[in-house]
């Protein structure tokens, strides 16, 4: 299963990404869902969460695009996809977080 959602930047600003794509568990990655952010063909970030527990396993954003809301947008898209499909779990923050992960989890309020 792959679903894409396209974004536009705020008025007068170029969005740091133009698509968010959900990838369901598959032969290569059987235990997780992921959201990938891209700008054209350029990778901007990934959010990966467990297919059963929903625990976020990894969040990565390209170093040149940090602090632009990409990780939060991927999290919001993952929640949107979970609302659309009962087989997609809502992502939840892990109990084991880095310092940056703790700050991000607190900022998202989720």
C-alpha atoms as a PDB file:
ATOM      1  CA  UNK A   1       0.000   0.000   0.000  1.00  0.00           C
ATOM      2  CA  UNK A   2       1.348   3.433  -0.929  1.00  0.00           C
ATOM      3  CA  UNK A   3      -0.563   6.654  -0.504  1.00  0.00           C
ATOM      4  CA  UNK A   4       0.699  10.117  -1.288  1.00  0.00           C
ATOM      5  CA  UNK A   5      -0.327  13.462   0.113  1.00  0.00           C
ATOM      6  CA  UNK A   6       0.957  16.673  -1.478  1.00  0.00           C
ATOM      7  CA  UNK A   7       1.709  19.863   0.408  1.00  0.00           C
ATOM      8  CA  UNK A   8       2.071  23.501  -0.469  1.00  0.00           C
ATOM      9  CA  UNK A   9       4.014  26.056   1.515  1.00  0.00           C
ATOM     10  CA  UNK A  10       2.483  28.881   3.500  1.00  0.00           C
ATOM     11  CA  UNK A  11       1.729  32.043   1.567  1.00  0.00           C
ATOM     12  CA  UNK A  12       4.985  33.462   0.244  1.00  0.00           C
ATOM     13  CA  UNK A  13       7.057  30.480   1.408  1.00  0.00           C
ATOM     14  CA  UNK A  14       8.260  27.420  -0.412  1.00  0.00           C
ATOM     15  CA  UNK A  15       7.419  24.210   1.444  1.00  0.00           C
ATOM     16  CA  UNK A  16      10.478  22.140   2.472  1.00  0.00           C
ATOM     17  CA  UNK A  17       8.772  19.087   0.912  1.00  0.00           C
ATOM     18  CA  UNK A  18       6.058  18.502  -1.664  1.00  0.00           C
ATOM     19  CA  UNK A  19       4.934  14.943  -0.948  1.00  0.00           C
ATOM     20  CA  UNK A  20       4.442  12.606   1.999  1.00  0.00           C
ATOM     21  CA  UNK A  21       4.176   8.919   1.098  1.00  0.00           C
ATOM     22  CA  UNK A  22       2.912   6.089   3.316  1.00  0.00           C
ATOM     23  CA  UNK A  23       4.562   2.709   2.808  1.00  0.00           C
ATOM     24  CA  UNK A  24       2.890  -0.293   4.445  1.00  0.00           C
ATOM     25  CA  UNK A  25       4.694  -3.377   5.794  1.00  0.00           C
ATOM     26  CA  UNK A  26       6.145  -5.395   2.922  1.00  0.00           C
ATOM     27  CA  UNK A  27       8.673  -8.126   2.147  1.00  0.00           C
ATOM     28  CA  UNK A  28      11.635  -5.814   2.702  1.00  0.00           C
ATOM     29  CA  UNK A  29      10.287  -4.181   5.897  1.00  0.00           C
ATOM     30  CA  UNK A  30       7.635  -6.551   7.273  1.00  0.00           C
ATOM     31  CA  UNK A  31       7.206  -4.983  10.717  1.00  0.00           C
ATOM     32  CA  UNK A  32       6.648  -1.302  10.163  1.00  0.00           C
ATOM     33  CA  UNK A  33       4.883   1.521   8.388  1.00  0.00           C
ATOM     34  CA  UNK A  34       6.757   4.568   7.179  1.00  0.00           C
ATOM     35  CA  UNK A  35       6.096   8.066   5.937  1.00  0.00           C
ATOM     36  CA  UNK A  36       8.675   9.546   3.580  1.00  0.00           C
ATOM     37  CA  UNK A  37       8.926  13.271   2.851  1.00  0.00           C
ATOM     38  CA  UNK A  38      10.352  14.336  -0.508  1.00  0.00           C
ATOM     39  CA  UNK A  39      10.831  17.490  -2.519  1.00  0.00           C
ATOM     40  CA  UNK A  40      10.697  16.286  -6.104  1.00  0.00           C
ATOM     41  CA  UNK A  41      13.053  13.311  -6.116  1.00  0.00           C
ATOM     42  CA  UNK A  42      15.095  14.597  -3.141  1.00  0.00           C
ATOM     43  CA  UNK A  43      14.665  12.843   0.206  1.00  0.00           C
ATOM     44  CA  UNK A  44      13.753  15.129   3.120  1.00  0.00           C
ATOM     45  CA  UNK A  45      12.876  12.674   5.896  1.00  0.00           C
ATOM     46  CA  UNK A  46      11.382   9.405   7.178  1.00  0.00           C
ATOM     47  CA  UNK A  47       9.187   8.488  10.120  1.00  0.00           C
ATOM     48  CA  UNK A  48       9.007   4.752  10.900  1.00  0.00           C
ATOM     49  CA  UNK A  49       6.612   3.123  13.390  1.00  0.00           C
ATOM     50  CA  UNK A  50       5.821  -0.459  14.443  1.00  0.00           C
ATOM     51  CA  UNK A  51       2.911  -2.098  12.649  1.00  0.00           C
ATOM     52  CA  UNK A  52       1.300  -3.464  15.843  1.00  0.00           C
ATOM     53  CA  UNK A  53       2.262  -1.253  18.790  1.00  0.00           C
ATOM     54  CA  UNK A  54       2.544   2.003  16.835  1.00  0.00           C
ATOM     55  CA  UNK A  55       5.798   2.794  18.650  1.00  0.00           C
ATOM     56  CA  UNK A  56       7.900   5.260  16.673  1.00  0.00           C
ATOM     57  CA  UNK A  57      11.132   3.466  15.849  1.00  0.00           C
ATOM     58  CA  UNK A  58      12.961   6.186  13.966  1.00  0.00           C
ATOM     59  CA  UNK A  59      12.625   9.780  12.797  1.00  0.00           C
ATOM     60  CA  UNK A  60      15.171  11.165  10.379  1.00  0.00           C
ATOM     61  CA  UNK A  61      15.303  14.524   8.636  1.00  0.00           C
ATOM     62  CA  UNK A  62      17.969  15.656   6.191  1.00  0.00           C
ATOM     63  CA  UNK A  63      20.434  17.882   8.115  1.00  0.00           C
ATOM     64  CA  UNK A  64      19.917  20.811   5.724  1.00  0.00           C
ATOM     65  CA  UNK A  65      16.171  20.777   6.477  1.00  0.00           C
ATOM     66  CA  UNK A  66      16.042  20.475  10.262  1.00  0.00           C
ATOM     67  CA  UNK A  67      13.663  22.706  12.252  1.00  0.00           C
ATOM     68  CA  UNK A  68      11.343  23.274   9.280  1.00  0.00           C
ATOM     69  CA  UNK A  69       8.424  21.185  10.561  1.00  0.00           C
ATOM     70  CA  UNK A  70       9.135  18.138   8.410  1.00  0.00           C
ATOM     71  CA  UNK A  71       9.137  15.604  11.280  1.00  0.00           C
ATOM     72  CA  UNK A  72       5.937  17.056  12.724  1.00  0.00           C
ATOM     73  CA  UNK A  73       4.302  17.026   9.287  1.00  0.00           C
ATOM     74  CA  UNK A  74       5.242  13.364   8.868  1.00  0.00           C
ATOM     75  CA  UNK A  75       3.783  12.583  12.310  1.00  0.00           C
ATOM     76  CA  UNK A  76       0.569  14.427  11.458  1.00  0.00           C
ATOM     77  CA  UNK A  77       0.334  12.548   8.152  1.00  0.00           C
ATOM     78  CA  UNK A  78       0.854   9.223   9.949  1.00  0.00           C
ATOM     79  CA  UNK A  79      -2.055  10.078  12.274  1.00  0.00           C
ATOM     80  CA  UNK A  80      -4.169  11.084   9.255  1.00  0.00           C
ATOM     81  CA  UNK A  81      -3.413   7.759   7.558  1.00  0.00           C
ATOM     82  CA  UNK A  82      -4.341   5.889  10.766  1.00  0.00           C
ATOM     83  CA  UNK A  83      -7.716   7.630  10.742  1.00  0.00           C
ATOM     84  CA  UNK A  84      -8.259   6.612   7.104  1.00  0.00           C
ATOM     85  CA  UNK A  85      -7.242   2.959   7.549  1.00  0.00           C
ATOM     86  CA  UNK A  86      -8.123   0.845  10.579  1.00  0.00           C
ATOM     87  CA  UNK A  87      -5.113  -1.437   9.898  1.00  0.00           C
ATOM     88  CA  UNK A  88      -2.647   1.474  10.310  1.00  0.00           C
ATOM     89  CA  UNK A  89      -1.870   2.116  13.997  1.00  0.00           C
ATOM     90  CA  UNK A  90      -1.522   5.645  15.351  1.00  0.00           C
ATOM     91  CA  UNK A  91       2.157   6.320  16.018  1.00  0.00           C
ATOM     92  CA  UNK A  92       3.187   6.827  19.655  1.00  0.00           C
ATOM     93  CA  UNK A  93       6.459   8.100  21.041  1.00  0.00           C
ATOM     94  CA  UNK A  94       8.807   5.490  22.467  1.00  0.00           C
ATOM     95  CA  UNK A  95       9.749   5.443  26.143  1.00  0.00           C
ATOM     96  CA  UNK A  96      13.416   5.471  25.070  1.00  0.00           C
ATOM     97  CA  UNK A  97      14.069   8.902  23.544  1.00  0.00           C
ATOM     98  CA  UNK A  98      17.144  10.923  22.746  1.00  0.00           C
ATOM     99  CA  UNK A  99      17.321  14.447  24.126  1.00  0.00           C
ATOM    100  CA  UNK A 100      16.191  15.799  20.753  1.00  0.00           C
ATOM    101  CA  UNK A 101      13.435  13.172  20.642  1.00  0.00           C
ATOM    102  CA  UNK A 102      12.179  14.215  24.080  1.00  0.00           C
ATOM    103  CA  UNK A 103      12.019  17.860  23.002  1.00  0.00           C
ATOM    104  CA  UNK A 104      10.198  16.934  19.785  1.00  0.00           C
ATOM    105  CA  UNK A 105       7.719  14.650  21.596  1.00  0.00           C
ATOM    106  CA  UNK A 106       6.961  17.439  24.059  1.00  0.00           C
ATOM    107  CA  UNK A 107       6.508  19.984  21.264  1.00  0.00           C
ATOM    108  CA  UNK A 108       4.065  17.779  19.362  1.00  0.00           C
ATOM    109  CA  UNK A 109       1.918  17.085  22.414  1.00  0.00           C
ATOM    110  CA  UNK A 110       1.219  13.592  21.050  1.00  0.00           C
END
